[in-house]
Amino acid sequence: MNITLQPSGFKLDVRPGERILEAAHRLGYECPHGCRDSACHVCAALLVEGRVRQNGVEMNQGEIFTCLAEPLEDCLVHWDGVLASSVLPVRELTCQLIECQAVGGDVYRVRLLAPEGEMPLYHAGQYLLLQRETGEFSAFSLASAPHQGRELELHVFARDGSSKGLPGYLDREGTARIRLPFGDAHLAELPDGPLVLLAAGTGMAQMHSLIEHCRARGFTPPIHLYWGVRRAEDFYEISHWADWQKLPGLSLHKIVSDGWEGRGGLLYQAIREDFTDLKGLHIYASGSPTMVYATLDALVEAGMDAHQMRADVFAYAPRS
């Protein structure tokens, strides 16, 4: 059956027995939903033409819930908020603070809950802007993945500078004003080959999002994570680390630039040691502009095509 959506004009080819929301997700559309079998009303739409079956009842007009509605013939449905996978609107939300916990290395794990009925839309690997006490907004990578719904996670480095007082401010307020999503170093679509993820410090947040998204989507090619810090005590607690260690397709590497008993050196040195052939790798990097560009240059010198590497630095700190 063909479902035509208004006002977007998108057309869904729905398989027999498939619900409208299921078809939209299979075809890569971003849709408003809360996944509570219509109890949340987030996925509500208006049936304009055609027939659907919902909870055993046939309907030919009126409000339907796309998580339950199974088309019986071609339909015309008015469903606001449906977007193509590559296009997400920037929204501003006031979120409830769930947790602001020190996890080591002067890093705080900040967990936020978006308002009910205002599902945050973003791709794995994107970042948000968080309002500080001064009223200014600063960028923080999302450590959560889209399948986590209303819950968002950030890793905030609060050793010095403007972020030092941020955890205390969030604790006092109990809420956080955010804008999202931003960034093009994301996984709107899963790649067809191995992933190499390079994280410096709290750049780990972005990689956390990518790994959790891949886990949720059943990604099967190998994933190689390289997490680098200056000193060993700068590593912080990752709640899923123990689970990741059990995954056969995921290789974890911790690297310290200033000597320790484990692996030392720089991230790009580790990549060059581990991969004699860089072709076919999809490389994501998160860190300072200096780190990202040094890594890019070193890997290009080793035979990587520059287009294989993605990083938000390329957009917000372009070099001539």
C-alpha atoms as a PDB file:
ATOM      1  CA  MET A   1       0.000   0.000   0.000  1.00  0.00           C
ATOM      2  CA  ASN A   2       1.079   3.584  -0.678  1.00  0.00           C
ATOM      3  CA  ILE A   3       0.718   6.162   2.092  1.00  0.00           C
ATOM      4  CA  THR A   4       1.000   9.800   1.061  1.00  0.00           C
ATOM      5  CA  LEU A   5       1.916  12.143   3.893  1.00  0.00           C
ATOM      6  CA  GLN A   6       0.854  15.755   4.191  1.00  0.00           C
ATOM      7  CA  PRO A   7       2.261  18.404   4.387  1.00  0.00           C
ATOM      8  CA  SER A   8       5.660  16.867   3.504  1.00  0.00           C
ATOM      9  CA  GLY A   9       4.534  15.045   0.358  1.00  0.00           C
ATOM     10  CA  PHE A  10       6.552  11.946   1.332  1.00  0.00           C
ATOM     11  CA  LYS A  11       5.267   8.609   0.049  1.00  0.00           C
ATOM     12  CA  LEU A  12       5.607   5.414   2.082  1.00  0.00           C
ATOM     13  CA  ASP A  13       5.494   1.964   0.486  1.00  0.00           C
ATOM     14  CA  VAL A  14       3.972  -0.023   3.357  1.00  0.00           C
ATOM     15  CA  ARG A  15       4.324  -3.788   3.415  1.00  0.00           C
ATOM     16  CA  PRO A  16       1.336  -6.065   4.237  1.00  0.00           C
ATOM     17  CA  GLY A  17       0.790  -6.190   7.999  1.00  0.00           C
ATOM     18  CA  GLU A  18       3.230  -3.314   8.611  1.00  0.00           C
ATOM     19  CA  ARG A  19       2.238  -0.303  10.673  1.00  0.00           C
ATOM     20  CA  ILE A  20       2.725   3.211   9.343  1.00  0.00           C
ATOM     21  CA  LEU A  21       5.386   4.181  11.892  1.00  0.00           C
ATOM     22  CA  GLU A  22       7.300   0.948  11.241  1.00  0.00           C
ATOM     23  CA  ALA A  23       7.334   1.649   7.518  1.00  0.00           C
ATOM     24  CA  ALA A  24       8.498   5.232   8.010  1.00  0.00           C
ATOM     25  CA  HIS A  25      11.405   4.088  10.197  1.00  0.00           C
ATOM     26  CA  ARG A  26      12.346   1.321   7.746  1.00  0.00           C
ATOM     27  CA  LEU A  27      12.477   3.893   4.942  1.00  0.00           C
ATOM     28  CA  GLY A  28      14.726   6.203   6.957  1.00  0.00           C
ATOM     29  CA  TYR A  29      12.330   8.975   7.971  1.00  0.00           C
ATOM     30  CA  GLU A  30      12.545  10.811  11.276  1.00  0.00           C
ATOM     31  CA  CYS A  31       9.120  10.767  12.894  1.00  0.00           C
ATOM     32  CA  PRO A  32       7.557  12.088  16.102  1.00  0.00           C
ATOM     33  CA  HIS A  33       6.977   9.106  18.384  1.00  0.00           C
ATOM     34  CA  GLY A  34       7.264   8.016  21.989  1.00  0.00           C
ATOM     35  CA  CYS A  35       6.858   4.251  21.470  1.00  0.00           C
ATOM     36  CA  ARG A  36       4.328   3.560  24.205  1.00  0.00           C
ATOM     37  CA  ASP A  37       1.623   1.913  22.050  1.00  0.00           C
ATOM     38  CA  SER A  38      -0.364   5.154  21.587  1.00  0.00           C
ATOM     39  CA  ALA A  39      -0.337   6.008  25.318  1.00  0.00           C
ATOM     40  CA  CYS A  40       1.897   9.029  24.671  1.00  0.00           C
ATOM     41  CA  HIS A  41      -0.086  10.383  21.663  1.00  0.00           C
ATOM     42  CA  VAL A  42       3.208  11.679  20.188  1.00  0.00           C
ATOM     43  CA  CYS A  43       2.776   9.838  16.861  1.00  0.00           C
ATOM     44  CA  ALA A  44      -0.842  10.935  16.310  1.00  0.00           C
ATOM     45  CA  ALA A  45      -1.849  11.783  12.740  1.00  0.00           C
ATOM     46  CA  LEU A  46      -5.054  12.504  10.817  1.00  0.00           C
ATOM     47  CA  LEU A  47      -6.423   9.950   8.353  1.00  0.00           C
ATOM     48  CA  VAL A  48      -7.791  11.988   5.416  1.00  0.00           C
ATOM     49  CA  GLU A  49      -8.458   9.259   2.852  1.00  0.00           C
ATOM     50  CA  GLY A  50      -8.295   5.455   2.848  1.00  0.00           C
ATOM     51  CA  ARG A  51      -8.781   2.768   5.494  1.00  0.00           C
ATOM     52  CA  VAL A  52      -6.610   1.485   8.345  1.00  0.00           C
ATOM     53  CA  ARG A  53      -6.992  -1.131  11.056  1.00  0.00           C
ATOM     54  CA  GLN A  54      -6.131   0.040  14.582  1.00  0.00           C
ATOM     55  CA  ASN A  55      -6.576  -2.148  17.670  1.00  0.00           C
ATOM     56  CA  GLY A  56      -8.796  -4.453  15.630  1.00  0.00           C
ATOM     57  CA  VAL A  57     -11.100  -1.636  14.477  1.00  0.00           C
ATOM     58  CA  GLU A  58     -11.321  -0.388  10.874  1.00  0.00           C
ATOM     59  CA  MET A  59     -11.202   3.398  10.421  1.00  0.00           C
ATOM     60  CA  ASN A  60     -11.687   5.578   7.346  1.00  0.00           C
ATOM     61  CA  GLN A  61     -11.215   9.020   8.893  1.00  0.00           C
ATOM     62  CA  GLY A  62     -10.160  10.852  12.047  1.00  0.00           C
ATOM     63  CA  GLU A  63      -7.209  10.684  14.405  1.00  0.00           C
ATOM     64  CA  ILE A  64      -4.982   7.621  14.210  1.00  0.00           C
ATOM     65  CA  PHE A  65      -1.835   6.533  15.990  1.00  0.00           C
ATOM     66  CA  THR A  66       0.810   5.599  13.453  1.00  0.00           C
ATOM     67  CA  CYS A  67       2.455   3.161  15.878  1.00  0.00           C
ATOM     68  CA  LEU A  68      -0.751   1.058  15.725  1.00  0.00           C
ATOM     69  CA  ALA A  69      -2.429   1.901  12.406  1.00  0.00           C
ATOM     70  CA  GLU A  70      -2.095  -0.779   9.722  1.00  0.00           C
ATOM     71  CA  PRO A  71      -3.184   0.419   6.243  1.00  0.00           C
ATOM     72  CA  LEU A  72      -5.775  -1.665   4.416  1.00  0.00           C
ATOM     73  CA  GLU A  73      -5.532   0.355   1.185  1.00  0.00           C
ATOM     74  CA  ASP A  74      -3.772   3.425  -0.189  1.00  0.00           C
ATOM     75  CA  CYS A  75      -4.159   6.315   2.263  1.00  0.00           C
ATOM     76  CA  LEU A  76      -3.670  10.054   2.565  1.00  0.00           C
ATOM     77  CA  VAL A  77      -2.465  10.991   6.057  1.00  0.00           C
ATOM     78  CA  HIS A  78      -1.758  14.385   7.585  1.00  0.00           C
ATOM     79  CA  TRP A  79       1.266  13.831   9.854  1.00  0.00           C
ATOM     80  CA  ASP A  80       3.266  16.828  11.011  1.00  0.00           C
ATOM     81  CA  GLY A  81       6.936  16.627  11.933  1.00  0.00           C
ATOM     82  CA  VAL A  82       8.038  13.862   9.557  1.00  0.00           C
ATOM     83  CA  LEU A  83      11.477  14.597   8.099  1.00  0.00           C
ATOM     84  CA  ALA A  84      13.871  12.996   5.672  1.00  0.00           C
ATOM     85  CA  SER A  85      16.765  11.325   7.475  1.00  0.00           C
ATOM     86  CA  SER A  86      19.289  14.008   6.515  1.00  0.00           C
ATOM     87  CA  VAL A  87      17.176  16.982   7.633  1.00  0.00           C
ATOM     88  CA  LEU A  88      16.478  17.708  11.274  1.00  0.00           C
ATOM     89  CA  PRO A  89      15.100  20.992  12.645  1.00  0.00           C
ATOM     90  CA  VAL A  90      16.962  22.910  15.348  1.00  0.00           C
ATOM     91  CA  ARG A  91      14.784  23.109  18.451  1.00  0.00           C
ATOM     92  CA  GLU A  92      15.153  24.738  21.851  1.00  0.00           C
ATOM     93  CA  LEU A  93      14.059  22.713  24.888  1.00  0.00           C
ATOM     94  CA  THR A  94      14.102  23.072  28.655  1.00  0.00           C
ATOM     95  CA  CYS A  95      15.166  19.716  30.082  1.00  0.00           C
ATOM     96  CA  GLN A  96      15.001  18.280  33.582  1.00  0.00           C
ATOM     97  CA  LEU A  97      18.321  17.367  35.206  1.00  0.00           C
ATOM     98  CA  ILE A  98      18.382  13.661  36.074  1.00  0.00           C
ATOM     99  CA  GLU A  99      22.002  13.342  37.118  1.00  0.00           C
ATOM    100  CA  CYS A 100      25.189  15.391  37.374  1.00  0.00           C
ATOM    101  CA  GLN A 101      27.797  12.942  38.647  1.00  0.00           C
ATOM    102  CA  ALA A 102      31.590  13.148  38.838  1.00  0.00           C
ATOM    103  CA  VAL A 103      33.040  10.192  36.920  1.00  0.00           C
ATOM    104  CA  GLY A 104      36.779  10.901  37.259  1.00  0.00           C
ATOM    105  CA  GLY A 105      39.281  13.077  35.443  1.00  0.00           C
ATOM    106  CA  ASP A 106      37.324  16.238  36.402  1.00  0.00           C
ATOM    107  CA  VAL A 107      34.538  15.033  34.102  1.00  0.00           C
ATOM    108  CA  TYR A 108      30.844  14.998  35.005  1.00  0.00           C
ATOM    109  CA  ARG A 109      28.244  12.775  33.427  1.00  0.00           C
ATOM    110  CA  VAL A 110      25.179  14.964  32.892  1.00  0.00           C
ATOM    111  CA  ARG A 111      21.889  13.262  32.118  1.00  0.00           C
ATOM    112  CA  LEU A 112      18.897  15.303  30.993  1.00  0.00           C
ATOM    113  CA  LEU A 113      15.260  14.455  30.300  1.00  0.00           C
ATOM    114  CA  ALA A 114      13.451  16.301  27.522  1.00  0.00           C
ATOM    115  CA  PRO A 115       9.838  17.372  28.154  1.00  0.00           C
ATOM    116  CA  GLU A 116       7.145  14.777  27.512  1.00  0.00           C
ATOM    117  CA  GLY A 117       5.747  15.204  24.022  1.00  0.00           C
ATOM    118  CA  GLU A 118       8.886  17.027  22.782  1.00  0.00           C
ATOM    119  CA  MET A 119      11.090  14.192  21.597  1.00  0.00           C
ATOM    120  CA  PRO A 120      14.613  15.477  20.811  1.00  0.00           C
ATOM    121  CA  LEU A 121      15.582  14.654  17.231  1.00  0.00           C
ATOM    122  CA  TYR A 122      19.251  14.162  16.401  1.00  0.00           C
ATOM    123  CA  HIS A 123      21.641  11.802  14.670  1.00  0.00           C
ATOM    124  CA  ALA A 124      24.202   9.738  16.563  1.00  0.00           C
ATOM    125  CA  GLY A 125      27.385  11.791  16.806  1.00  0.00           C
ATOM    126  CA  GLN A 126      25.780  15.236  16.781  1.00  0.00           C
ATOM    127  CA  TYR A 127      26.112  17.881  19.501  1.00  0.00           C
ATOM    128  CA  LEU A 128      23.912  20.372  21.312  1.00  0.00           C
ATOM    129  CA  LEU A 129      24.276  23.865  22.720  1.00  0.00           C
ATOM    130  CA  LEU A 130      23.788  24.204  26.492  1.00  0.00           C
ATOM    131  CA  GLN A 131      22.941  27.512  28.149  1.00  0.00           C
ATOM    132  CA  ARG A 132      25.353  28.601  30.874  1.00  0.00           C
ATOM    133  CA  GLU A 133      24.682  30.792  33.900  1.00  0.00           C
ATOM    134  CA  THR A 134      25.744  33.845  31.843  1.00  0.00           C
ATOM    135  CA  GLY A 135      23.025  33.128  29.289  1.00  0.00           C
ATOM    136  CA  GLU A 136      25.552  32.145  26.636  1.00  0.00           C
ATOM    137  CA  PHE A 137      25.296  28.771  24.866  1.00  0.00           C
ATOM    138  CA  SER A 138      28.265  26.374  24.594  1.00  0.00           C
ATOM    139  CA  ALA A 139      28.682  23.202  22.548  1.00  0.00           C
ATOM    140  CA  PHE A 140      28.773  19.720  24.095  1.00  0.00           C
ATOM    141  CA  SER A 141      28.787  16.399  22.242  1.00  0.00           C
ATOM    142  CA  LEU A 142      25.835  14.118  22.856  1.00  0.00           C
ATOM    143  CA  ALA A 143      26.932  10.835  24.428  1.00  0.00           C
ATOM    144  CA  SER A 144      23.417   9.421  24.159  1.00  0.00           C
ATOM    145  CA  ALA A 145      22.036   7.799  21.004  1.00  0.00           C
ATOM    146  CA  PRO A 146      18.685   8.539  19.304  1.00  0.00           C
ATOM    147  CA  HIS A 147      17.065   5.270  20.431  1.00  0.00           C
ATOM    148  CA  GLN A 148      17.275   6.528  24.054  1.00  0.00           C
ATOM    149  CA  GLY A 149      14.359   8.814  23.336  1.00  0.00           C
ATOM    150  CA  ARG A 150      13.870  11.721  25.723  1.00  0.00           C
ATOM    151  CA  GLU A 151      17.023  11.007  27.752  1.00  0.00           C
ATOM    152  CA  LEU A 152      20.186  12.899  26.768  1.00  0.00           C
ATOM    153  CA  GLU A 153      23.709  12.409  28.105  1.00  0.00           C
ATOM    154  CA  LEU A 154      26.706  14.768  28.086  1.00  0.00           C
ATOM    155  CA  HIS A 155      30.297  14.444  29.361  1.00  0.00           C
ATOM    156  CA  VAL A 156      31.358  17.810  30.785  1.00  0.00           C
ATOM    157  CA  PHE A 157      35.040  18.516  31.486  1.00  0.00           C
ATOM    158  CA  ALA A 158      35.028  20.912  34.450  1.00  0.00           C
ATOM    159  CA  ARG A 159      38.676  21.300  35.444  1.00  0.00           C
ATOM    160  CA  ASP A 160      39.074  24.970  34.562  1.00  0.00           C
ATOM    161  CA  GLY A 161      37.773  27.804  32.440  1.00  0.00           C
ATOM    162  CA  SER A 162      34.119  28.562  31.851  1.00  0.00           C
ATOM    163  CA  SER A 163      32.997  24.940  32.423  1.00  0.00           C
ATOM    164  CA  LYS A 164      34.379  24.692  35.974  1.00  0.00           C
ATOM    165  CA  GLY A 165      31.229  26.035  37.594  1.00  0.00           C
ATOM    166  CA  LEU A 166      28.776  24.430  35.171  1.00  0.00           C
ATOM    167  CA  PRO A 167      28.001  21.271  37.228  1.00  0.00           C
ATOM    168  CA  GLY A 168      27.178  23.377  40.285  1.00  0.00           C
ATOM    169  CA  TYR A 169      24.963  25.660  38.235  1.00  0.00           C
ATOM    170  CA  LEU A 170      23.033  22.709  36.770  1.00  0.00           C
ATOM    171  CA  ASP A 171      22.591  21.191  40.233  1.00  0.00           C
ATOM    172  CA  ARG A 172      21.181  24.448  41.600  1.00  0.00           C
ATOM    173  CA  GLU A 173      18.822  25.007  38.687  1.00  0.00           C
ATOM    174  CA  GLY A 174      17.641  21.427  38.251  1.00  0.00           C
ATOM    175  CA  THR A 175      16.963  22.213  34.584  1.00  0.00           C
ATOM    176  CA  ALA A 176      18.971  22.996  31.468  1.00  0.00           C
ATOM    177  CA  ARG A 177      18.098  25.004  28.387  1.00  0.00           C
ATOM    178  CA  ILE A 178      19.429  23.371  25.227  1.00  0.00           C
ATOM    179  CA  ARG A 179      19.387  23.766  21.451  1.00  0.00           C
ATOM    180  CA  LEU A 180      19.885  20.809  19.113  1.00  0.00           C
ATOM    181  CA  PRO A 181      20.963  19.223  16.840  1.00  0.00           C
ATOM    182  CA  PHE A 182      24.221  20.454  15.321  1.00  0.00           C
ATOM    183  CA  GLY A 183      27.174  18.846  13.559  1.00  0.00           C
ATOM    184  CA  ASP A 184      27.658  16.825  10.396  1.00  0.00           C
ATOM    185  CA  ALA A 185      30.085  14.160  11.707  1.00  0.00           C
ATOM    186  CA  HIS A 186      27.218  11.793  12.448  1.00  0.00           C
ATOM    187  CA  LEU A 187      25.722   8.457  11.457  1.00  0.00           C
ATOM    188  CA  ALA A 188      22.434   9.347   9.792  1.00  0.00           C
ATOM    189  CA  GLU A 189      23.200   6.269   7.701  1.00  0.00           C
ATOM    190  CA  LEU A 190      25.380   3.365   8.778  1.00  0.00           C
ATOM    191  CA  PRO A 191      28.505   2.857   6.644  1.00  0.00           C
ATOM    192  CA  ASP A 192      29.211  -0.300   4.687  1.00  0.00           C
ATOM    193  CA  GLY A 193      32.639  -0.939   6.202  1.00  0.00           C
ATOM    194  CA  PRO A 194      34.727  -0.807   9.392  1.00  0.00           C
ATOM    195  CA  LEU A 195      34.566   2.210  11.694  1.00  0.00           C
ATOM    196  CA  VAL A 196      37.637   3.751  13.317  1.00  0.00           C
ATOM    197  CA  LEU A 197      36.732   6.151  16.132  1.00  0.00           C
ATOM    198  CA  LEU A 198      39.356   8.554  17.519  1.00  0.00           C
ATOM    199  CA  ALA A 199      38.533  10.403  20.744  1.00  0.00           C
ATOM    200  CA  ALA A 200      40.720  12.830  22.673  1.00  0.00           C
ATOM    201  CA  GLY A 201      39.525  13.463  26.243  1.00  0.00           C
ATOM    202  CA  THR A 202      35.809  14.135  26.382  1.00  0.00           C
ATOM    203  CA  GLY A 203      35.668  13.657  22.634  1.00  0.00           C
ATOM    204  CA  MET A 204      34.764  10.213  23.952  1.00  0.00           C
ATOM    205  CA  ALA A 205      31.178  11.468  24.324  1.00  0.00           C
ATOM    206  CA  GLN A 206      30.666  11.603  20.571  1.00  0.00           C
ATOM    207  CA  MET A 207      32.160   8.147  20.118  1.00  0.00           C
ATOM    208  CA  HIS A 208      29.955   6.825  22.926  1.00  0.00           C
ATOM    209  CA  SER A 209      26.932   7.961  20.926  1.00  0.00           C
ATOM    210  CA  LEU A 210      28.206   6.324  17.734  1.00  0.00           C
ATOM    211  CA  ILE A 211      28.953   2.996  19.423  1.00  0.00           C
ATOM    212  CA  GLU A 212      25.616   2.830  21.237  1.00  0.00           C
ATOM    213  CA  HIS A 213      23.799   3.668  18.011  1.00  0.00           C
ATOM    214  CA  CYS A 214      25.655   0.921  16.155  1.00  0.00           C
ATOM    215  CA  ARG A 215      24.811  -1.543  18.930  1.00  0.00           C
ATOM    216  CA  ALA A 216      21.130  -0.636  18.755  1.00  0.00           C
ATOM    217  CA  ARG A 217      21.037  -0.914  14.966  1.00  0.00           C
ATOM    218  CA  GLY A 218      22.838  -4.263  14.774  1.00  0.00           C
ATOM    219  CA  PHE A 219      25.893  -2.916  12.942  1.00  0.00           C
ATOM    220  CA  THR A 220      28.137  -5.894  12.076  1.00  0.00           C
ATOM    221  CA  PRO A 221      31.409  -4.543  10.555  1.00  0.00           C
ATOM    222  CA  PRO A 222      34.310  -4.100  13.008  1.00  0.00           C
ATOM    223  CA  ILE A 223      34.547  -0.975  15.184  1.00  0.00           C
ATOM    224  CA  HIS A 224      37.942   0.195  16.463  1.00  0.00           C
ATOM    225  CA  LEU A 225      37.853   2.768  19.269  1.00  0.00           C
ATOM    226  CA  TYR A 226      40.999   4.719  20.199  1.00  0.00           C
ATOM    227  CA  TRP A 227      40.666   6.910  23.287  1.00  0.00           C
ATOM    228  CA  GLY A 228      43.601   9.190  24.036  1.00  0.00           C
ATOM    229  CA  VAL A 229      44.381  11.394  27.047  1.00  0.00           C
ATOM    230  CA  ARG A 230      47.429  13.277  28.260  1.00  0.00           C
ATOM    231  CA  ARG A 231      47.688  11.497  31.624  1.00  0.00           C
ATOM    232  CA  ALA A 232      46.256   8.159  32.750  1.00  0.00           C
ATOM    233  CA  GLU A 233      44.198   9.844  35.479  1.00  0.00           C
ATOM    234  CA  ASP A 234      42.323  11.757  32.757  1.00  0.00           C
ATOM    235  CA  PHE A 235      40.421   8.628  31.769  1.00  0.00           C
ATOM    236  CA  TYR A 236      36.932   8.676  33.251  1.00  0.00           C
ATOM    237  CA  GLU A 237      34.213   6.122  33.872  1.00  0.00           C
ATOM    238  CA  ILE A 238      32.209   4.948  30.865  1.00  0.00           C
ATOM    239  CA  SER A 239      29.092   3.158  32.089  1.00  0.00           C
ATOM    240  CA  HIS A 240      28.983   0.733  29.125  1.00  0.00           C
ATOM    241  CA  TRP A 241      32.704  -0.059  28.996  1.00  0.00           C
ATOM    242  CA  ALA A 242      32.332  -3.534  30.539  1.00  0.00           C
ATOM    243  CA  ASP A 243      29.563  -4.377  28.068  1.00  0.00           C
ATOM    244  CA  TRP A 244      31.667  -3.136  25.155  1.00  0.00           C
ATOM    245  CA  GLN A 245      34.556  -5.385  26.156  1.00  0.00           C
ATOM    246  CA  LYS A 246      32.315  -8.415  25.568  1.00  0.00           C
ATOM    247  CA  LEU A 247      31.418  -7.449  21.987  1.00  0.00           C
ATOM    248  CA  PRO A 248      33.418  -9.493  19.442  1.00  0.00           C
ATOM    249  CA  GLY A 249      33.362  -6.780  16.784  1.00  0.00           C
ATOM    250  CA  LEU A 250      34.516  -3.920  19.012  1.00  0.00           C
ATOM    251  CA  SER A 251      38.217  -3.285  19.727  1.00  0.00           C
ATOM    252  CA  LEU A 252      39.024  -0.873  22.567  1.00  0.00           C
ATOM    253  CA  HIS A 253      42.325   0.974  22.896  1.00  0.00           C
ATOM    254  CA  LYS A 254      43.354   3.410  25.655  1.00  0.00           C
ATOM    255  CA  ILE A 255      46.371   5.564  24.818  1.00  0.00           C
ATOM    256  CA  VAL A 256      48.252   8.036  27.018  1.00  0.00           C
ATOM    257  CA  SER A 257      50.605  10.587  25.477  1.00  0.00           C
ATOM    258  CA  ASP A 258      52.668  11.015  28.684  1.00  0.00           C
ATOM    259  CA  GLY A 259      54.010   7.561  29.609  1.00  0.00           C
ATOM    260  CA  TRP A 260      52.224   4.923  31.636  1.00  0.00           C
ATOM    261  CA  GLU A 261      52.284   1.144  31.830  1.00  0.00           C
ATOM    262  CA  GLY A 262      49.834   0.838  28.934  1.00  0.00           C
ATOM    263  CA  ARG A 263      50.020   1.980  25.345  1.00  0.00           C
ATOM    264  CA  GLY A 264      51.635   5.368  24.811  1.00  0.00           C
ATOM    265  CA  GLY A 265      52.030   7.897  22.031  1.00  0.00           C
ATOM    266  CA  LEU A 266      49.549   9.799  19.872  1.00  0.00           C
ATOM    267  CA  LEU A 267      46.317   8.587  18.344  1.00  0.00           C
ATOM    268  CA  TYR A 268      47.443   8.761  14.737  1.00  0.00           C
ATOM    269  CA  GLN A 269      50.597   6.804  15.636  1.00  0.00           C
ATOM    270  CA  ALA A 270      48.434   3.992  16.987  1.00  0.00           C
ATOM    271  CA  ILE A 271      46.347   3.938  13.806  1.00  0.00           C
ATOM    272  CA  ARG A 272      49.445   3.776  11.615  1.00  0.00           C
ATOM    273  CA  GLU A 273      50.826   0.945  13.741  1.00  0.00           C
ATOM    274  CA  ASP A 274      47.603  -1.078  13.617  1.00  0.00           C
ATOM    275  CA  PHE A 275      46.572  -0.585   9.972  1.00  0.00           C
ATOM    276  CA  THR A 276      48.968  -1.125   7.098  1.00  0.00           C
ATOM    277  CA  ASP A 277      46.160  -0.317   4.657  1.00  0.00           C
ATOM    278  CA  LEU A 278      43.744   2.511   5.483  1.00  0.00           C
ATOM    279  CA  LYS A 279      41.515   2.025   2.448  1.00  0.00           C
ATOM    280  CA  GLY A 280      37.889   1.170   3.217  1.00  0.00           C
ATOM    281  CA  LEU A 281      37.939   2.583   6.742  1.00  0.00           C
ATOM    282  CA  HIS A 282      35.367   5.140   7.890  1.00  0.00           C
ATOM    283  CA  ILE A 283      37.214   7.371  10.352  1.00  0.00           C
ATOM    284  CA  TYR A 284      35.598   9.738  12.861  1.00  0.00           C
ATOM    285  CA  ALA A 285      37.703  12.049  15.029  1.00  0.00           C
ATOM    286  CA  SER A 286      36.751  14.216  18.006  1.00  0.00           C
ATOM    287  CA  GLY A 287      39.169  16.533  19.771  1.00  0.00           C
ATOM    288  CA  SER A 288      40.838  19.922  19.457  1.00  0.00           C
ATOM    289  CA  PRO A 289      41.511  21.402  15.998  1.00  0.00           C
ATOM    290  CA  THR A 290      45.242  20.839  16.554  1.00  0.00           C
ATOM    291  CA  MET A 291      44.719  17.154  17.308  1.00  0.00           C
ATOM    292  CA  VAL A 292      42.255  16.582  14.451  1.00  0.00           C
ATOM    293  CA  TYR A 293      44.348  18.270  11.765  1.00  0.00           C
ATOM    294  CA  ALA A 294      47.560  16.586  12.925  1.00  0.00           C
ATOM    295  CA  THR A 295      45.736  13.255  12.702  1.00  0.00           C
ATOM    296  CA  LEU A 296      44.346  14.076   9.260  1.00  0.00           C
ATOM    297  CA  ASP A 297      47.760  15.031   7.877  1.00  0.00           C
ATOM    298  CA  ALA A 298      49.475  11.959   9.341  1.00  0.00           C
ATOM    299  CA  LEU A 299      46.859   9.549   7.998  1.00  0.00           C
ATOM    300  CA  VAL A 300      46.773  11.162   4.564  1.00  0.00           C
ATOM    301  CA  GLU A 301      50.544  10.781   4.489  1.00  0.00           C
ATOM    302  CA  ALA A 302      50.029   7.088   5.316  1.00  0.00           C
ATOM    303  CA  GLY A 303      47.705   6.626   2.340  1.00  0.00           C
ATOM    304  CA  MET A 304      44.245   7.615   3.585  1.00  0.00           C
ATOM    305  CA  ASP A 305      41.949   9.576   1.295  1.00  0.00           C
ATOM    306  CA  ALA A 306      41.042  12.760   3.197  1.00  0.00           C
ATOM    307  CA  HIS A 307      37.368  12.135   2.427  1.00  0.00           C
ATOM    308  CA  GLN A 308      37.448   9.006   4.606  1.00  0.00           C
ATOM    309  CA  MET A 309      37.722  11.123   7.767  1.00  0.00           C
ATOM    310  CA  ARG A 310      34.911  13.107   9.368  1.00  0.00           C
ATOM    311  CA  ALA A 311      35.138  15.599  12.230  1.00  0.00           C
ATOM    312  CA  ASP A 312      33.090  18.602  13.320  1.00  0.00           C
ATOM    313  CA  VAL A 313      36.341  20.579  13.488  1.00  0.00           C
ATOM    314  CA  PHE A 314      36.322  20.741   9.687  1.00  0.00           C
ATOM    315  CA  ALA A 315      33.159  22.875   9.837  1.00  0.00           C
ATOM    316  CA  TYR A 316      33.692  25.090  12.920  1.00  0.00           C
ATOM    317  CA  ALA A 317      37.479  25.549  12.616  1.00  0.00           C
ATOM    318  CA  PRO A 318      38.309  25.257   8.902  1.00  0.00           C
ATOM    319  CA  ARG A 319      41.900  25.879   7.856  1.00  0.00           C
ATOM    320  CA  SER A 320      42.922  27.587   4.661  1.00  0.00           C
END
